[in-house]
Amino acid sequence: MPNEETTRLTVTLSRETDLALRAFLGAQGTRKGDLSKFIEDAVRWRMFDQAVQGVKTHNADLDVDDLLAAIDEACASVRRAMWPTASKASQSGCA
């Protein structure tokens, strides 16, 4: 019975890639569903990589020090929002 949280796709691979993938998964003790999990993980990593490359391209012309300062400020802002008592303690000299 199909899970309502999943979508069935038809995937076409070269014969060489199919055999290499199945050999790889087989060497790791493949169980039912591992091929689908592998493909989903690969798709997520590819989308993440594309997003990272886009951010790198977008920020390529920024000064490194300015970029690091912006990252530090964003991290500090998130820390203040998520752990307000911890940031108050660090401001009062308690670490």
N, C-alpha and C. Protein backbone atom coordinates (compact mmCIF):
# COMPACT_ATOMS: atom_id res chain seq x y z
N MET A 1 0.84 -1.18 0.00
CA MET A 1 0.00 0.00 0.00
C MET A 1 0.89 1.25 0.00
N PRO A 2 0.71 2.14 -0.96
CA PRO A 2 1.54 3.35 -1.04
C PRO A 2 1.30 4.27 0.15
N ASN A 3 2.36 4.90 0.56
CA ASN A 3 2.30 5.88 1.64
C ASN A 3 1.87 7.21 1.05
N GLU A 4 0.94 7.90 1.70
CA GLU A 4 0.47 9.19 1.20
C GLU A 4 1.55 10.27 1.25
N GLU A 5 2.64 10.02 1.97
CA GLU A 5 3.73 10.98 2.10
C GLU A 5 4.79 10.81 1.01
N THR A 6 4.63 9.83 0.15
CA THR A 6 5.63 9.57 -0.89
C THR A 6 5.02 9.75 -2.27
N THR A 7 5.91 9.90 -3.25
CA THR A 7 5.52 9.99 -4.65
C THR A 7 6.31 8.97 -5.44
N ARG A 8 5.65 8.27 -6.31
CA ARG A 8 6.31 7.28 -7.14
C ARG A 8 6.81 7.95 -8.41
N LEU A 9 8.09 7.73 -8.73
CA LEU A 9 8.71 8.29 -9.93
C LEU A 9 9.26 7.18 -10.81
N THR A 10 9.40 7.48 -12.07
CA THR A 10 10.11 6.60 -12.98
C THR A 10 11.46 7.24 -13.23
N VAL A 11 12.52 6.50 -12.95
CA VAL A 11 13.87 7.02 -13.10
C VAL A 11 14.58 6.22 -14.18
N THR A 12 15.23 6.93 -15.08
CA THR A 12 15.98 6.29 -16.14
C THR A 12 17.46 6.54 -15.92
N LEU A 13 18.23 5.46 -15.86
CA LEU A 13 19.68 5.53 -15.69
C LEU A 13 20.35 4.77 -16.81
N SER A 14 21.61 5.11 -17.06
CA SER A 14 22.37 4.30 -18.01
C SER A 14 22.57 2.92 -17.38
N ARG A 15 22.77 1.92 -18.20
CA ARG A 15 22.99 0.55 -17.69
C ARG A 15 24.22 0.53 -16.78
N GLU A 16 25.26 1.25 -17.18
CA GLU A 16 26.50 1.29 -16.39
C GLU A 16 26.25 1.86 -15.00
N THR A 17 25.51 2.97 -14.92
CA THR A 17 25.21 3.59 -13.64
C THR A 17 24.33 2.69 -12.79
N ASP A 18 23.33 2.06 -13.41
CA ASP A 18 22.45 1.15 -12.69
C ASP A 18 23.24 0.01 -12.06
N LEU A 19 24.11 -0.61 -12.83
CA LEU A 19 24.90 -1.72 -12.30
C LEU A 19 25.85 -1.27 -11.21
N ALA A 20 26.48 -0.11 -11.40
CA ALA A 20 27.41 0.40 -10.39
C ALA A 20 26.66 0.73 -9.10
N LEU A 21 25.50 1.35 -9.22
CA LEU A 21 24.71 1.70 -8.04
C LEU A 21 24.25 0.46 -7.31
N ARG A 22 23.73 -0.51 -8.03
CA ARG A 22 23.25 -1.74 -7.38
C ARG A 22 24.41 -2.52 -6.74
N ALA A 23 25.57 -2.51 -7.37
CA ALA A 23 26.73 -3.16 -6.78
C ALA A 23 27.15 -2.43 -5.50
N PHE A 24 27.15 -1.11 -5.56
CA PHE A 24 27.50 -0.30 -4.39
C PHE A 24 26.55 -0.59 -3.23
N LEU A 25 25.24 -0.53 -3.51
CA LEU A 25 24.26 -0.78 -2.45
C LEU A 25 24.31 -2.23 -1.97
N GLY A 26 24.55 -3.15 -2.90
CA GLY A 26 24.65 -4.56 -2.53
C GLY A 26 25.81 -4.82 -1.59
N ALA A 27 26.92 -4.13 -1.82
CA ALA A 27 28.10 -4.30 -0.96
C ALA A 27 27.83 -3.78 0.45
N GLN A 28 26.81 -2.94 0.59
CA GLN A 28 26.47 -2.40 1.91
C GLN A 28 25.30 -3.14 2.55
N GLY A 29 24.92 -4.27 1.97
CA GLY A 29 23.82 -5.06 2.53
C GLY A 29 22.46 -4.44 2.27
N THR A 30 22.19 -4.14 1.01
CA THR A 30 20.95 -3.48 0.61
C THR A 30 19.72 -4.21 1.13
N ARG A 31 18.78 -3.39 1.61
CA ARG A 31 17.47 -3.92 1.99
C ARG A 31 16.43 -3.23 1.12
N LYS A 32 15.21 -3.75 1.15
CA LYS A 32 14.13 -3.17 0.38
C LYS A 32 13.96 -1.70 0.75
N GLY A 33 13.87 -0.84 -0.24
CA GLY A 33 13.69 0.58 -0.01
C GLY A 33 14.98 1.36 0.00
N ASP A 34 16.14 0.69 0.03
CA ASP A 34 17.41 1.41 0.08
C ASP A 34 17.69 2.19 -1.19
N LEU A 35 17.27 1.68 -2.33
CA LEU A 35 17.48 2.39 -3.59
C LEU A 35 16.72 3.72 -3.56
N SER A 36 15.47 3.68 -3.12
CA SER A 36 14.68 4.91 -3.03
C SER A 36 15.30 5.88 -2.05
N LYS A 37 15.75 5.40 -0.91
CA LYS A 37 16.38 6.27 0.09
C LYS A 37 17.66 6.88 -0.48
N PHE A 38 18.44 6.09 -1.21
CA PHE A 38 19.68 6.58 -1.81
C PHE A 38 19.39 7.69 -2.81
N ILE A 39 18.39 7.47 -3.66
CA ILE A 39 18.04 8.47 -4.67
C ILE A 39 17.52 9.74 -4.00
N GLU A 40 16.68 9.61 -2.98
CA GLU A 40 16.17 10.80 -2.29
C GLU A 40 17.31 11.58 -1.64
N ASP A 41 18.23 10.87 -1.00
CA ASP A 41 19.38 11.53 -0.38
C ASP A 41 20.24 12.23 -1.44
N ALA A 42 20.46 11.57 -2.58
CA ALA A 42 21.25 12.18 -3.65
C ALA A 42 20.57 13.44 -4.19
N VAL A 43 19.27 13.41 -4.34
CA VAL A 43 18.53 14.58 -4.83
C VAL A 43 18.64 15.72 -3.83
N ARG A 44 18.47 15.42 -2.54
CA ARG A 44 18.58 16.46 -1.52
C ARG A 44 19.98 17.08 -1.50
N TRP A 45 21.02 16.23 -1.57
CA TRP A 45 22.39 16.75 -1.59
C TRP A 45 22.63 17.61 -2.83
N ARG A 46 22.10 17.20 -3.97
CA ARG A 46 22.29 17.97 -5.20
C ARG A 46 21.60 19.33 -5.10
N MET A 47 20.39 19.34 -4.56
CA MET A 47 19.68 20.62 -4.39
C MET A 47 20.43 21.52 -3.41
N PHE A 48 20.94 20.95 -2.33
CA PHE A 48 21.73 21.72 -1.37
C PHE A 48 22.98 22.27 -2.03
N ASP A 49 23.68 21.45 -2.80
CA ASP A 49 24.89 21.88 -3.49
C ASP A 49 24.59 23.02 -4.46
N GLN A 50 23.49 22.91 -5.18
CA GLN A 50 23.10 23.97 -6.11
C GLN A 50 22.82 25.27 -5.36
N ALA A 51 22.16 25.18 -4.20
CA ALA A 51 21.88 26.38 -3.40
C ALA A 51 23.18 27.00 -2.90
N VAL A 52 24.11 26.16 -2.43
CA VAL A 52 25.40 26.66 -1.94
C VAL A 52 26.16 27.35 -3.08
N GLN A 53 26.18 26.74 -4.25
CA GLN A 53 26.88 27.34 -5.38
C GLN A 53 26.25 28.67 -5.77
N GLY A 54 24.92 28.76 -5.68
CA GLY A 54 24.24 30.01 -5.97
C GLY A 54 24.62 31.10 -4.98
N VAL A 55 24.69 30.76 -3.70
CA VAL A 55 25.09 31.73 -2.68
C VAL A 55 26.53 32.16 -2.91
N LYS A 56 27.41 31.21 -3.22
CA LYS A 56 28.81 31.55 -3.48
C LYS A 56 28.92 32.50 -4.67
N THR A 57 28.19 32.22 -5.72
CA THR A 57 28.22 33.08 -6.91
C THR A 57 27.69 34.48 -6.57
N HIS A 58 26.59 34.51 -5.83
CA HIS A 58 25.97 35.79 -5.46
C HIS A 58 26.91 36.64 -4.60
N ASN A 59 27.71 36.00 -3.75
CA ASN A 59 28.58 36.72 -2.82
C ASN A 59 30.03 36.79 -3.27
N ALA A 60 30.32 36.38 -4.48
CA ALA A 60 31.71 36.31 -4.95
C ALA A 60 32.41 37.66 -4.94
N ASP A 61 31.66 38.73 -5.14
CA ASP A 61 32.29 40.05 -5.22
C ASP A 61 32.37 40.78 -3.87
N LEU A 62 31.90 40.13 -2.80
CA LEU A 62 31.95 40.76 -1.48
C LEU A 62 33.33 40.62 -0.85
N ASP A 63 33.69 41.60 -0.06
CA ASP A 63 34.93 41.55 0.70
C ASP A 63 34.80 40.46 1.77
N VAL A 64 35.83 39.65 1.93
CA VAL A 64 35.79 38.52 2.86
C VAL A 64 35.51 38.99 4.29
N ASP A 65 36.15 40.06 4.72
CA ASP A 65 35.94 40.56 6.08
C ASP A 65 34.50 41.04 6.28
N ASP A 66 33.93 41.70 5.27
CA ASP A 66 32.54 42.14 5.36
C ASP A 66 31.59 40.94 5.43
N LEU A 67 31.88 39.93 4.63
CA LEU A 67 31.04 38.73 4.63
C LEU A 67 31.12 38.01 5.97
N LEU A 68 32.32 37.87 6.52
CA LEU A 68 32.48 37.22 7.82
C LEU A 68 31.79 38.02 8.92
N ALA A 69 31.85 39.33 8.86
CA ALA A 69 31.18 40.17 9.84
C ALA A 69 29.66 39.99 9.76
N ALA A 70 29.13 39.90 8.55
CA ALA A 70 27.69 39.69 8.36
C ALA A 70 27.28 38.32 8.90
N ILE A 71 28.09 37.31 8.66
CA ILE A 71 27.80 35.96 9.16
C ILE A 71 27.83 35.96 10.70
N ASP A 72 28.85 36.60 11.28
CA ASP A 72 28.95 36.67 12.73
C ASP A 72 27.73 37.37 13.34
N GLU A 73 27.30 38.47 12.73
CA GLU A 73 26.14 39.19 13.24
C GLU A 73 24.87 38.35 13.12
N ALA A 74 24.72 37.64 12.01
CA ALA A 74 23.54 36.78 11.84
C ALA A 74 23.52 35.68 12.88
N CYS A 75 24.68 35.06 13.13
CA CYS A 75 24.77 34.01 14.16
C CYS A 75 24.45 34.57 15.54
N ALA A 76 24.98 35.74 15.84
CA ALA A 76 24.73 36.36 17.15
C ALA A 76 23.24 36.68 17.30
N SER A 77 22.62 37.15 16.25
CA SER A 77 21.19 37.47 16.28
C SER A 77 20.36 36.22 16.55
N VAL A 78 20.69 35.14 15.88
CA VAL A 78 19.96 33.88 16.08
C VAL A 78 20.18 33.38 17.51
N ARG A 79 21.41 33.46 17.99
CA ARG A 79 21.68 33.02 19.37
C ARG A 79 20.87 33.85 20.38
N ARG A 80 20.81 35.16 20.16
CA ARG A 80 20.03 36.01 21.06
C ARG A 80 18.55 35.64 21.03
N ALA A 81 18.05 35.33 19.86
CA ALA A 81 16.64 34.98 19.73
C ALA A 81 16.33 33.60 20.32
N MET A 82 17.24 32.66 20.14
CA MET A 82 16.98 31.30 20.61
C MET A 82 17.32 31.09 22.08
N TRP A 83 18.33 31.78 22.56
CA TRP A 83 18.78 31.62 23.94
C TRP A 83 18.93 32.99 24.59
N PRO A 84 17.83 33.67 24.83
CA PRO A 84 17.92 35.05 25.35
C PRO A 84 18.60 35.13 26.72
N THR A 85 18.41 34.15 27.59
CA THR A 85 19.04 34.22 28.91
C THR A 85 20.54 34.00 28.82
N ALA A 86 20.98 33.19 27.88
CA ALA A 86 22.42 32.95 27.71
C ALA A 86 23.13 34.21 27.23
N SER A 87 22.48 34.95 26.32
CA SER A 87 23.13 36.18 25.82
C SER A 87 23.17 37.24 26.91
N LYS A 88 22.16 37.28 27.79
CA LYS A 88 22.17 38.23 28.90
C LYS A 88 23.29 37.89 29.88
N ALA A 89 23.48 36.58 30.11
CA ALA A 89 24.54 36.16 31.03
C ALA A 89 25.91 36.50 30.48
N SER A 90 26.09 36.33 29.15
CA SER A 90 27.40 36.65 28.57
C SER A 90 27.65 38.15 28.54
N GLN A 91 26.59 38.95 28.46
CA GLN A 91 26.75 40.39 28.48
C GLN A 91 27.13 40.89 29.87
N SER A 92 26.71 40.17 30.90
CA SER A 92 27.01 40.61 32.26
C SER A 92 28.35 40.07 32.76
N GLY A 93 29.09 39.42 31.87
CA GLY A 93 30.41 38.92 32.24
C GLY A 93 30.40 37.48 32.66
N CYS A 94 29.25 36.82 32.70
CA CYS A 94 29.18 35.40 33.03
C CYS A 94 29.24 34.61 31.73
N ALA A 95 30.17 33.69 31.63
CA ALA A 95 30.26 32.89 30.42
C ALA A 95 30.02 31.52 30.82
